[in-house]
PDB file of N, CA and C in Angstrom:
ATOM      1  N   MET A   1     -10.895   2.171  10.312  1.00  0.00           N
ATOM      2  CA  MET A   1      -9.973   1.116  10.552  1.00  0.00           C
ATOM      3  C   MET A   1      -9.566   0.632   9.165  1.00  0.00           C
ATOM      4  N   ASN A   2      -8.301   0.392   8.990  1.00  0.00           N
ATOM      5  CA  ASN A   2      -7.735  -0.167   7.830  1.00  0.00           C
ATOM      6  C   ASN A   2      -7.083  -1.579   8.036  1.00  0.00           C
ATOM      7  N   ALA A   3      -7.665  -2.520   7.464  1.00  0.00           N
ATOM      8  CA  ALA A   3      -7.142  -3.861   7.567  1.00  0.00           C
ATOM      9  C   ALA A   3      -6.769  -4.517   6.257  1.00  0.00           C
ATOM     10  N   GLY A   4      -6.920  -3.829   5.215  1.00  0.00           N
ATOM     11  CA  GLY A   4      -6.511  -4.230   3.881  1.00  0.00           C
ATOM     12  C   GLY A   4      -5.367  -3.482   3.291  1.00  0.00           C
ATOM     13  N   ILE A   5      -4.338  -3.345   3.973  1.00  0.00           N
ATOM     14  CA  ILE A   5      -3.207  -2.378   3.653  1.00  0.00           C
ATOM     15  C   ILE A   5      -2.529  -2.779   2.333  1.00  0.00           C
ATOM     16  N   LEU A   6      -2.317  -4.026   2.140  1.00  0.00           N
ATOM     17  CA  LEU A   6      -1.576  -4.531   0.975  1.00  0.00           C
ATOM     18  C   LEU A   6      -2.420  -4.894  -0.230  1.00  0.00           C
ATOM     19  N   GLY A   7      -3.757  -4.566  -0.123  1.00  0.00           N
ATOM     20  CA  GLY A   7      -4.687  -4.800  -1.213  1.00  0.00           C
ATOM     21  C   GLY A   7      -4.606  -6.216  -1.646  1.00  0.00           C
ATOM     22  N   SER A   8      -4.804  -7.201  -0.739  1.00  0.00           N
ATOM     23  CA  SER A   8      -4.790  -8.657  -1.035  1.00  0.00           C
ATOM     24  C   SER A   8      -3.466  -9.026  -1.626  1.00  0.00           C
ATOM     25  N   GLY A   9      -2.396  -8.395  -1.273  1.00  0.00           N
ATOM     26  CA  GLY A   9      -1.027  -8.710  -1.678  1.00  0.00           C
ATOM     27  C   GLY A   9      -0.528  -7.969  -2.892  1.00  0.00           C
ATOM     28  N   MET A  10      -1.436  -7.135  -3.495  1.00  0.00           N
ATOM     29  CA  MET A  10      -1.078  -6.391  -4.689  1.00  0.00           C
ATOM     30  C   MET A  10       0.078  -5.409  -4.442  1.00  0.00           C
ATOM     31  N   LEU A  11       0.191  -4.873  -3.343  1.00  0.00           N
ATOM     32  CA  LEU A  11       1.266  -3.938  -2.958  1.00  0.00           C
ATOM     33  C   LEU A  11       2.451  -4.742  -2.289  1.00  0.00           C
ATOM     34  N   GLU A  12       2.303  -5.922  -2.068  1.00  0.00           N
ATOM     35  CA  GLU A  12       3.405  -6.750  -1.479  1.00  0.00           C
ATOM     36  C   GLU A  12       4.278  -7.366  -2.572  1.00  0.00           C
ATOM     37  N   SER A  13       3.719  -7.693  -3.741  1.00  0.00           N
ATOM     38  CA  SER A  13       4.523  -8.275  -4.804  1.00  0.00           C
ATOM     39  C   SER A  13       3.891  -7.892  -6.094  1.00  0.00           C
ATOM     40  N   ARG A  14       4.740  -7.834  -7.161  1.00  0.00           N
ATOM     41  CA  ARG A  14       4.375  -7.453  -8.464  1.00  0.00           C
ATOM     42  C   ARG A  14       3.471  -8.496  -9.091  1.00  0.00           C
ATOM     43  N   GLY A  15       2.558  -8.004 -10.000  1.00  0.00           N
ATOM     44  CA  GLY A  15       1.807  -8.968 -10.812  1.00  0.00           C
ATOM     45  C   GLY A  15       0.582  -9.410 -10.069  1.00  0.00           C
ATOM     46  N   GLY A  16       0.119  -8.835  -9.029  1.00  0.00           N
ATOM     47  CA  GLY A  16      -1.046  -9.239  -8.365  1.00  0.00           C
ATOM     48  C   GLY A  16      -2.255  -9.039  -9.222  1.00  0.00           C
ATOM     49  N   GLU A  17      -3.183  -9.998  -9.277  1.00  0.00           N
ATOM     50  CA  GLU A  17      -4.367  -9.944  -9.998  1.00  0.00           C
ATOM     51  C   GLU A  17      -5.640  -9.701  -9.201  1.00  0.00           C
ATOM     52  N   ARG A  18      -5.416  -9.703  -7.848  1.00  0.00           N
ATOM     53  CA  ARG A  18      -6.620  -9.564  -6.972  1.00  0.00           C
ATOM     54  C   ARG A  18      -6.450  -8.265  -6.163  1.00  0.00           C
ATOM     55  N   TYR A  19      -7.592  -7.621  -5.836  1.00  0.00           N
ATOM     56  CA  TYR A  19      -7.592  -6.455  -5.016  1.00  0.00           C
ATOM     57  C   TYR A  19      -8.881  -6.579  -4.157  1.00  0.00           C
ATOM     58  N   GLY A  20      -8.702  -6.549  -2.863  1.00  0.00           N
ATOM     59  CA  GLY A  20      -9.882  -6.760  -2.063  1.00  0.00           C
ATOM     60  C   GLY A  20     -10.451  -8.193  -2.129  1.00  0.00           C
ATOM     61  N   TYR A  21      -9.584  -9.119  -2.417  1.00  0.00           N
ATOM     62  CA  TYR A  21      -9.967 -10.551  -2.585  1.00  0.00           C
ATOM     63  C   TYR A  21     -10.912 -10.777  -3.706  1.00  0.00           C
ATOM     64  N   ARG A  22     -10.914 -10.049  -4.745  1.00  0.00           N
ATOM     65  CA  ARG A  22     -11.636 -10.175  -5.929  1.00  0.00           C
ATOM     66  C   ARG A  22     -10.767  -9.757  -7.118  1.00  0.00           C
ATOM     67  N   PRO A  23     -11.147 -10.150  -8.368  1.00  0.00           N
ATOM     68  CA  PRO A  23     -10.319  -9.703  -9.522  1.00  0.00           C
ATOM     69  C   PRO A  23     -10.149  -8.176  -9.515  1.00  0.00           C
ATOM     70  N   ALA A  24      -8.916  -7.714  -9.763  1.00  0.00           N
ATOM     71  CA  ALA A  24      -8.658  -6.322  -9.770  1.00  0.00           C
ATOM     72  C   ALA A  24      -8.985  -5.682 -11.170  1.00  0.00           C
ATOM     73  N   ARG A  25      -9.486  -4.476 -11.154  1.00  0.00           N
ATOM     74  CA  ARG A  25      -9.634  -3.763 -12.367  1.00  0.00           C
ATOM     75  C   ARG A  25      -8.338  -3.459 -13.020  1.00  0.00           C
ATOM     76  N   PRO A  26      -8.271  -3.309 -14.320  1.00  0.00           N
ATOM     77  CA  PRO A  26      -7.053  -3.003 -14.959  1.00  0.00           C
ATOM     78  C   PRO A  26      -6.394  -1.729 -14.440  1.00  0.00           C
ATOM     79  N   GLU A  27      -7.221  -0.704 -14.116  1.00  0.00           N
ATOM     80  CA  GLU A  27      -6.673   0.587 -13.580  1.00  0.00           C
ATOM     81  C   GLU A  27      -5.948   0.348 -12.227  1.00  0.00           C
ATOM     82  N   VAL A  28      -6.466  -0.539 -11.519  1.00  0.00           N
ATOM     83  CA  VAL A  28      -5.848  -0.830 -10.168  1.00  0.00           C
ATOM     84  C   VAL A  28      -4.566  -1.570 -10.362  1.00  0.00           C
ATOM     85  N   ARG A  29      -4.575  -2.593 -11.202  1.00  0.00           N
ATOM     86  CA  ARG A  29      -3.255  -3.320 -11.548  1.00  0.00           C
ATOM     87  C   ARG A  29      -2.236  -2.401 -12.100  1.00  0.00           C
ATOM     88  N   GLU A  30      -2.622  -1.505 -12.957  1.00  0.00           N
ATOM     89  CA  GLU A  30      -1.540  -0.636 -13.604  1.00  0.00           C
ATOM     90  C   GLU A  30      -1.057   0.374 -12.507  1.00  0.00           C
ATOM     91  N   ALA A  31      -1.965   0.858 -11.662  1.00  0.00           N
ATOM     92  CA  ALA A  31      -1.502   1.750 -10.633  1.00  0.00           C
ATOM     93  C   ALA A  31      -0.534   1.107  -9.701  1.00  0.00           C
ATOM     94  N   ALA A  32      -0.823  -0.197  -9.303  1.00  0.00           N
ATOM     95  CA  ALA A  32       0.102  -0.972  -8.449  1.00  0.00           C
ATOM     96  C   ALA A  32       1.390  -1.130  -9.052  1.00  0.00           C
ATOM     97  N   GLN A  33       1.469  -1.436 -10.390  1.00  0.00           N
ATOM     98  CA  GLN A  33       2.680  -1.581 -11.058  1.00  0.00           C
ATOM     99  C   GLN A  33       3.532  -0.330 -11.024  1.00  0.00           C
ATOM    100  N   ARG A  34       2.851   0.848 -11.229  1.00  0.00           N
ATOM    101  CA  ARG A  34       3.505   2.133 -11.183  1.00  0.00           C
ATOM    102  C   ARG A  34       4.037   2.401  -9.801  1.00  0.00           C
ATOM    103  N   LEU A  35       3.330   2.043  -8.781  1.00  0.00           N
ATOM    104  CA  LEU A  35       3.759   2.247  -7.433  1.00  0.00           C
ATOM    105  C   LEU A  35       5.001   1.350  -7.116  1.00  0.00           C
ATOM    106  N   HIS A  36       5.033   0.107  -7.637  1.00  0.00           N
ATOM    107  CA  HIS A  36       6.172  -0.693  -7.419  1.00  0.00           C
ATOM    108  C   HIS A  36       7.378  -0.099  -8.058  1.00  0.00           C
ATOM    109  N   ASP A  37       7.235   0.393  -9.291  1.00  0.00           N
ATOM    110  CA  ASP A  37       8.325   1.066 -10.057  1.00  0.00           C
ATOM    111  C   ASP A  37       8.856   2.337  -9.245  1.00  0.00           C
ATOM    112  N   LEU A  38       7.931   3.103  -8.776  1.00  0.00           N
ATOM    113  CA  LEU A  38       8.358   4.252  -7.926  1.00  0.00           C
ATOM    114  C   LEU A  38       9.069   3.812  -6.702  1.00  0.00           C
ATOM    115  N   ALA A  39       8.555   2.823  -5.979  1.00  0.00           N
ATOM    116  CA  ALA A  39       9.331   2.338  -4.767  1.00  0.00           C
ATOM    117  C   ALA A  39      10.672   1.890  -5.073  1.00  0.00           C
ATOM    118  N   ASP A  40      10.761   1.067  -6.241  1.00  0.00           N
ATOM    119  CA  ASP A  40      12.127   0.613  -6.600  1.00  0.00           C
ATOM    120  C   ASP A  40      13.078   1.760  -6.951  1.00  0.00           C
ATOM    121  N   GLU A  41      12.585   2.755  -7.612  1.00  0.00           N
ATOM    122  CA  GLU A  41      13.370   3.888  -8.048  1.00  0.00           C
ATOM    123  C   GLU A  41      13.762   4.676  -6.821  1.00  0.00           C
ATOM    124  N   SER A  42      12.880   4.786  -5.801  1.00  0.00           N
ATOM    125  CA  SER A  42      13.131   5.597  -4.669  1.00  0.00           C
ATOM    126  C   SER A  42      13.898   4.891  -3.518  1.00  0.00           C
ATOM    127  N   GLY A  43      14.046   3.532  -3.635  1.00  0.00           N
ATOM    128  CA  GLY A  43      14.684   2.805  -2.677  1.00  0.00           C
ATOM    129  C   GLY A  43      13.804   2.626  -1.353  1.00  0.00           C
ATOM    130  N   VAL A  44      12.441   2.581  -1.690  1.00  0.00           N
ATOM    131  CA  VAL A  44      11.484   2.467  -0.605  1.00  0.00           C
ATOM    132  C   VAL A  44      10.761   1.080  -0.685  1.00  0.00           C
ATOM    133  N   ASP A  45      10.619   0.400   0.444  1.00  0.00           N
ATOM    134  CA  ASP A  45       9.967  -0.852   0.443  1.00  0.00           C
ATOM    135  C   ASP A  45       8.391  -0.580   0.378  1.00  0.00           C
ATOM    136  N   LEU A  46       7.788  -0.978  -0.695  1.00  0.00           N
ATOM    137  CA  LEU A  46       6.412  -0.639  -0.920  1.00  0.00           C
ATOM    138  C   LEU A  46       5.416  -1.170   0.185  1.00  0.00           C
ATOM    139  N   PRO A  47       5.493  -2.399   0.664  1.00  0.00           N
ATOM    140  CA  PRO A  47       4.634  -2.826   1.682  1.00  0.00           C
ATOM    141  C   PRO A  47       4.906  -1.982   2.971  1.00  0.00           C
ATOM    142  N   THR A  48       6.048  -1.584   3.300  1.00  0.00           N
ATOM    143  CA  THR A  48       6.309  -0.680   4.443  1.00  0.00           C
ATOM    144  C   THR A  48       5.652   0.614   4.197  1.00  0.00           C
ATOM    145  N   ALA A  49       5.775   1.199   2.973  1.00  0.00           N
ATOM    146  CA  ALA A  49       5.132   2.440   2.675  1.00  0.00           C
ATOM    147  C   ALA A  49       3.616   2.374   2.755  1.00  0.00           C
ATOM    148  N   ALA A  50       3.094   1.218   2.419  1.00  0.00           N
ATOM    149  CA  ALA A  50       1.629   1.090   2.540  1.00  0.00           C
ATOM    150  C   ALA A  50       1.131   1.096   3.975  1.00  0.00           C
ATOM    151  N   VAL A  51       1.901   0.530   4.823  1.00  0.00           N
ATOM    152  CA  VAL A  51       1.570   0.570   6.324  1.00  0.00           C
ATOM    153  C   VAL A  51       1.651   2.039   6.798  1.00  0.00           C
ATOM    154  N   VAL A  52       2.797   2.682   6.465  1.00  0.00           N
ATOM    155  CA  VAL A  52       3.018   4.029   6.893  1.00  0.00           C
ATOM    156  C   VAL A  52       1.951   4.994   6.259  1.00  0.00           C
ATOM    157  N   ALA A  53       1.508   4.734   5.045  1.00  0.00           N
ATOM    158  CA  ALA A  53       0.479   5.612   4.482  1.00  0.00           C
ATOM    159  C   ALA A  53      -0.750   5.492   5.325  1.00  0.00           C
ATOM    160  N   SER A  54      -1.148   4.266   5.826  1.00  0.00           N
ATOM    161  CA  SER A  54      -2.308   4.053   6.566  1.00  0.00           C
ATOM    162  C   SER A  54      -2.133   4.825   7.941  1.00  0.00           C
ATOM    163  N   LEU A  55      -0.950   4.713   8.485  1.00  0.00           N
ATOM    164  CA  LEU A  55      -0.695   5.474   9.783  1.00  0.00           C
ATOM    165  C   LEU A  55      -0.729   6.958   9.615  1.00  0.00           C
ATOM    166  N   ARG A  56      -0.379   7.465   8.453  1.00  0.00           N
ATOM    167  CA  ARG A  56      -0.321   8.919   8.268  1.00  0.00           C
ATOM    168  C   ARG A  56      -1.696   9.466   7.929  1.00  0.00           C
ATOM    169  N   ASP A  57      -2.595   8.709   7.509  1.00  0.00           N
ATOM    170  CA  ASP A  57      -3.965   9.126   7.009  1.00  0.00           C
ATOM    171  C   ASP A  57      -4.862   9.481   8.164  1.00  0.00           C
ATOM    172  N   PRO A  58      -5.227  10.755   8.247  1.00  0.00           N
ATOM    173  CA  PRO A  58      -6.028  11.262   9.381  1.00  0.00           C
ATOM    174  C   PRO A  58      -7.439  10.638   9.457  1.00  0.00           C
ATOM    175  N   ARG A  59      -7.847  10.008   8.345  1.00  0.00           N
ATOM    176  CA  ARG A  59      -9.184   9.395   8.381  1.00  0.00           C
ATOM    177  C   ARG A  59      -9.170   8.034   9.006  1.00  0.00           C
ATOM    178  N   ILE A  60      -7.946   7.477   9.306  1.00  0.00           N
ATOM    179  CA  ILE A  60      -7.791   6.105   9.801  1.00  0.00           C
ATOM    180  C   ILE A  60      -7.367   6.225  11.256  1.00  0.00           C
ATOM    181  N   ASP A  61      -8.182   5.534  12.138  1.00  0.00           N
ATOM    182  CA  ASP A  61      -7.863   5.558  13.566  1.00  0.00           C
ATOM    183  C   ASP A  61      -7.076   4.346  13.996  1.00  0.00           C
ATOM    184  N   ALA A  62      -7.238   3.235  13.218  1.00  0.00           N
ATOM    185  CA  ALA A  62      -6.574   2.005  13.573  1.00  0.00           C
ATOM    186  C   ALA A  62      -6.123   1.249  12.345  1.00  0.00           C
ATOM    187  N   THR A  63      -4.895   0.793  12.349  1.00  0.00           N
ATOM    188  CA  THR A  63      -4.297   0.057  11.255  1.00  0.00           C
ATOM    189  C   THR A  63      -3.947  -1.391  11.740  1.00  0.00           C
ATOM    190  N   LEU A  64      -4.555  -2.361  11.101  1.00  0.00           N
ATOM    191  CA  LEU A  64      -4.339  -3.757  11.490  1.00  0.00           C
ATOM    192  C   LEU A  64      -3.306  -4.381  10.546  1.00  0.00           C
ATOM    193  N   VAL A  65      -2.338  -5.056  11.072  1.00  0.00           N
ATOM    194  CA  VAL A  65      -1.275  -5.739  10.264  1.00  0.00           C
ATOM    195  C   VAL A  65      -1.255  -7.127  10.864  1.00  0.00           C
ATOM    196  N   GLY A  66      -1.236  -8.139   9.879  1.00  0.00           N
ATOM    197  CA  GLY A  66      -1.178  -9.504  10.334  1.00  0.00           C
ATOM    198  C   GLY A  66       0.089 -10.124   9.677  1.00  0.00           C
ATOM    199  N   SER A  67       0.483 -11.263  10.320  1.00  0.00           N
ATOM    200  CA  SER A  67       1.598 -11.985   9.738  1.00  0.00           C
ATOM    201  C   SER A  67       1.563 -13.472  10.331  1.00  0.00           C
ATOM    202  N   THR A  68       2.124 -14.291   9.492  1.00  0.00           N
ATOM    203  CA  THR A  68       2.140 -15.707   9.886  1.00  0.00           C
ATOM    204  C   THR A  68       3.364 -15.957  10.782  1.00  0.00           C
ATOM    205  N   ASN A  69       4.287 -15.001  10.893  1.00  0.00           N
ATOM    206  CA  ASN A  69       5.469 -15.074  11.651  1.00  0.00           C
ATOM    207  C   ASN A  69       5.620 -13.905  12.611  1.00  0.00           C
ATOM    208  N   PRO A  70       5.423 -14.119  13.889  1.00  0.00           N
ATOM    209  CA  PRO A  70       5.413 -13.014  14.935  1.00  0.00           C
ATOM    210  C   PRO A  70       6.798 -12.246  14.865  1.00  0.00           C
ATOM    211  N   ALA A  71       7.852 -12.900  14.548  1.00  0.00           N
ATOM    212  CA  ALA A  71       9.163 -12.216  14.485  1.00  0.00           C
ATOM    213  C   ALA A  71       9.204 -11.055  13.473  1.00  0.00           C
ATOM    214  N   ARG A  72       8.255 -11.143  12.443  1.00  0.00           N
ATOM    215  CA  ARG A  72       8.278 -10.049  11.424  1.00  0.00           C
ATOM    216  C   ARG A  72       7.800  -8.720  12.030  1.00  0.00           C
ATOM    217  N   PHE A  73       7.098  -8.708  13.205  1.00  0.00           N
ATOM    218  CA  PHE A  73       6.621  -7.501  13.678  1.00  0.00           C
ATOM    219  C   PHE A  73       7.675  -6.555  14.120  1.00  0.00           C
ATOM    220  N   ASP A  74       8.764  -7.105  14.777  1.00  0.00           N
ATOM    221  CA  ASP A  74       9.873  -6.271  15.204  1.00  0.00           C
ATOM    222  C   ASP A  74      10.521  -5.568  13.966  1.00  0.00           C
ATOM    223  N   ALA A  75      10.724  -6.312  12.887  1.00  0.00           N
ATOM    224  CA  ALA A  75      11.237  -5.747  11.624  1.00  0.00           C
ATOM    225  C   ALA A  75      10.323  -4.725  11.046  1.00  0.00           C
ATOM    226  N   MET A  76       9.048  -4.973  11.104  1.00  0.00           N
ATOM    227  CA  MET A  76       8.115  -4.009  10.644  1.00  0.00           C
ATOM    228  C   MET A  76       8.105  -2.710  11.382  1.00  0.00           C
ATOM    229  N   LEU A  77       8.142  -2.819  12.747  1.00  0.00           N
ATOM    230  CA  LEU A  77       8.179  -1.633  13.620  1.00  0.00           C
ATOM    231  C   LEU A  77       9.405  -0.791  13.315  1.00  0.00           C
ATOM    232  N   THR A  78      10.491  -1.476  13.113  1.00  0.00           N
ATOM    233  CA  THR A  78      11.784  -0.763  12.736  1.00  0.00           C
ATOM    234  C   THR A  78      11.631  -0.062  11.428  1.00  0.00           C
ATOM    235  N   ALA A  79      11.053  -0.785  10.436  1.00  0.00           N
ATOM    236  CA  ALA A  79      10.880  -0.287   9.019  1.00  0.00           C
ATOM    237  C   ALA A  79       9.950   0.920   9.000  1.00  0.00           C
ATOM    238  N   ILE A  80       8.890   0.884   9.725  1.00  0.00           N
ATOM    239  CA  ILE A  80       7.957   2.020   9.635  1.00  0.00           C
ATOM    240  C   ILE A  80       8.539   3.243  10.363  1.00  0.00           C
ATOM    241  N   ALA A  81       9.458   3.041  11.166  1.00  0.00           N
ATOM    242  CA  ALA A  81      10.011   4.294  11.913  1.00  0.00           C
ATOM    243  C   ALA A  81      11.041   4.978  11.017  1.00  0.00           C
ATOM    244  N   ALA A  82      11.461   4.254   9.965  1.00  0.00           N
ATOM    245  CA  ALA A  82      12.477   4.927   8.992  1.00  0.00           C
ATOM    246  C   ALA A  82      11.758   6.004   8.194  1.00  0.00           C
ATOM    247  N   PRO A  83      12.428   7.153   7.953  1.00  0.00           N
ATOM    248  CA  PRO A  83      11.729   8.221   7.143  1.00  0.00           C
ATOM    249  C   PRO A  83      11.570   7.818   5.705  1.00  0.00           C
ATOM    250  N   ILE A  84      10.491   8.207   5.147  1.00  0.00           N
ATOM    251  CA  ILE A  84      10.203   8.079   3.693  1.00  0.00           C
ATOM    252  C   ILE A  84      10.183   9.453   3.160  1.00  0.00           C
ATOM    253  N   PRO A  85      10.957   9.764   2.050  1.00  0.00           N
ATOM    254  CA  PRO A  85      10.999  11.113   1.558  1.00  0.00           C
ATOM    255  C   PRO A  85       9.639  11.686   1.170  1.00  0.00           C
ATOM    256  N   ASP A  86       9.382  12.990   1.386  1.00  0.00           N
ATOM    257  CA  ASP A  86       8.198  13.641   1.037  1.00  0.00           C
ATOM    258  C   ASP A  86       7.931  13.511  -0.517  1.00  0.00           C
ATOM    259  N   GLU A  87       9.017  13.601  -1.226  1.00  0.00           N
ATOM    260  CA  GLU A  87       8.926  13.407  -2.662  1.00  0.00           C
ATOM    261  C   GLU A  87       8.189  12.043  -3.072  1.00  0.00           C
ATOM    262  N   PHE A  88       8.527  11.012  -2.349  1.00  0.00           N
ATOM    263  CA  PHE A  88       7.809   9.752  -2.617  1.00  0.00           C
ATOM    264  C   PHE A  88       6.343   9.820  -2.428  1.00  0.00           C
ATOM    265  N   TRP A  89       5.972  10.440  -1.344  1.00  0.00           N
ATOM    266  CA  TRP A  89       4.504  10.587  -1.046  1.00  0.00           C
ATOM    267  C   TRP A  89       3.838  11.385  -2.149  1.00  0.00           C
ATOM    268  N   GLU A  90       4.443  12.486  -2.543  1.00  0.00           N
ATOM    269  CA  GLU A  90       3.882  13.374  -3.559  1.00  0.00           C
ATOM    270  C   GLU A  90       3.700  12.561  -4.913  1.00  0.00           C
ATOM    271  N   ARG A  91       4.720  11.856  -5.285  1.00  0.00           N
ATOM    272  CA  ARG A  91       4.743  11.111  -6.539  1.00  0.00           C
ATOM    273  C   ARG A  91       3.719   9.899  -6.436  1.00  0.00           C
ATOM    274  N   ALA A  92       3.713   9.378  -5.344  1.00  0.00           N
ATOM    275  CA  ALA A  92       2.780   8.177  -5.102  1.00  0.00           C
ATOM    276  C   ALA A  92       1.361   8.577  -5.245  1.00  0.00           C
ATOM    277  N   ALA A  93       0.994   9.783  -4.651  1.00  0.00           N
ATOM    278  CA  ALA A  93      -0.354  10.268  -4.637  1.00  0.00           C
ATOM    279  C   ALA A  93      -0.809  10.541  -6.128  1.00  0.00           C
ATOM    280  N   ALA A  94       0.087  10.895  -6.919  1.00  0.00           N
ATOM    281  CA  ALA A  94      -0.224  11.218  -8.388  1.00  0.00           C
ATOM    282  C   ALA A  94      -0.491   9.884  -9.165  1.00  0.00           C
ATOM    283  N   LEU A  95       0.018   8.758  -8.649  1.00  0.00           N
ATOM    284  CA  LEU A  95      -0.073   7.551  -9.342  1.00  0.00           C
ATOM    285  C   LEU A  95      -1.325   6.695  -9.027  1.00  0.00           C
ATOM    286  N   LEU A  96      -2.049   7.119  -7.935  1.00  0.00           N
ATOM    287  CA  LEU A  96      -3.175   6.360  -7.540  1.00  0.00           C
ATOM    288  C   LEU A  96      -4.318   6.370  -8.554  1.00  0.00           C
ATOM    289  N   PRO A  97      -5.150   5.259  -8.728  1.00  0.00           N
ATOM    290  CA  PRO A  97      -6.177   5.251  -9.676  1.00  0.00           C
ATOM    291  C   PRO A  97      -7.340   6.118  -9.246  1.00  0.00           C
ATOM    292  N   GLU A  98      -8.146   6.435 -10.152  1.00  0.00           N
ATOM    293  CA  GLU A  98      -9.301   7.283  -9.772  1.00  0.00           C
ATOM    294  C   GLU A  98     -10.107   6.632  -8.735  1.00  0.00           C
ATOM    295  N   PRO A  99     -10.688   7.454  -7.745  1.00  0.00           N
ATOM    296  CA  PRO A  99     -11.483   6.917  -6.648  1.00  0.00           C
ATOM    297  C   PRO A  99     -12.647   6.021  -7.092  1.00  0.00           C
ATOM    298  N   SER A 100     -13.137   6.184  -8.298  1.00  0.00           N
ATOM    299  CA  SER A 100     -14.300   5.444  -8.796  1.00  0.00           C
ATOM    300  C   SER A 100     -13.962   3.887  -8.894  1.00  0.00           C
ATOM    301  N   VAL A 101     -12.688   3.527  -8.865  1.00  0.00           N
ATOM    302  CA  VAL A 101     -12.326   2.094  -8.932  1.00  0.00           C
ATOM    303  C   VAL A 101     -11.916   1.532  -7.614  1.00  0.00           C
ATOM    304  N   TRP A 102     -11.860   2.360  -6.531  1.00  0.00           N
ATOM    305  CA  TRP A 102     -11.540   1.872  -5.204  1.00  0.00           C
ATOM    306  C   TRP A 102     -12.588   1.031  -4.692  1.00  0.00           C
ATOM    307  N   LEU A 103     -12.262   0.115  -3.699  1.00  0.00           N
ATOM    308  CA  LEU A 103     -13.210  -0.778  -3.093  1.00  0.00           C
ATOM    309  C   LEU A 103     -14.404  -0.091  -2.498  1.00  0.00           C
ATOM    310  N   ASP A 104     -14.140   1.002  -1.745  1.00  0.00           N
ATOM    311  CA  ASP A 104     -15.233   1.638  -1.062  1.00  0.00           C
ATOM    312  C   ASP A 104     -15.954   2.732  -1.900  1.00  0.00           C
ATOM    313  N   ALA A 105     -15.712   2.758  -3.278  1.00  0.00           N
ATOM    314  CA  ALA A 105     -16.361   3.730  -4.069  1.00  0.00           C
ATOM    315  C   ALA A 105     -17.841   3.434  -4.176  1.00  0.00           C
ATOM    316  N   GLU A 106     -18.615   4.523  -4.179  1.00  0.00           N
ATOM    317  CA  GLU A 106     -20.032   4.333  -4.293  1.00  0.00           C
ATOM    318  C   GLU A 106     -20.357   3.922  -5.744  1.00  0.00           C
ATOM    319  N   ARG A 107     -21.217   2.980  -5.899  1.00  0.00           N
ATOM    320  CA  ARG A 107     -21.594   2.437  -7.229  1.00  0.00           C
ATOM    321  C   ARG A 107     -22.973   2.751  -7.566  1.00  0.00           C
TER     322      ARG A 107
END
């Protein structure tokens, strides 16, 4: 189950300082900035891509999305149905930080 799709807002807006509701490591902040840059360059909405990435991941059986405004769900359903180019996914995968800094990394 994935319920932290936007990384505490880090993938929703630039300059986020928190990841998983705690201070983000520099590597995570830098990766988020690179993903925002890629999304802008590609004409892709990064929060939408984050939801789609969760839906595409075979390890995830359920993706939870919340909102303070129920009307946003219709817009989100429309957005996630739009195709995102394969090139975006390939380039985004190369920008992710090392798994050792992810929240679920073994320490």
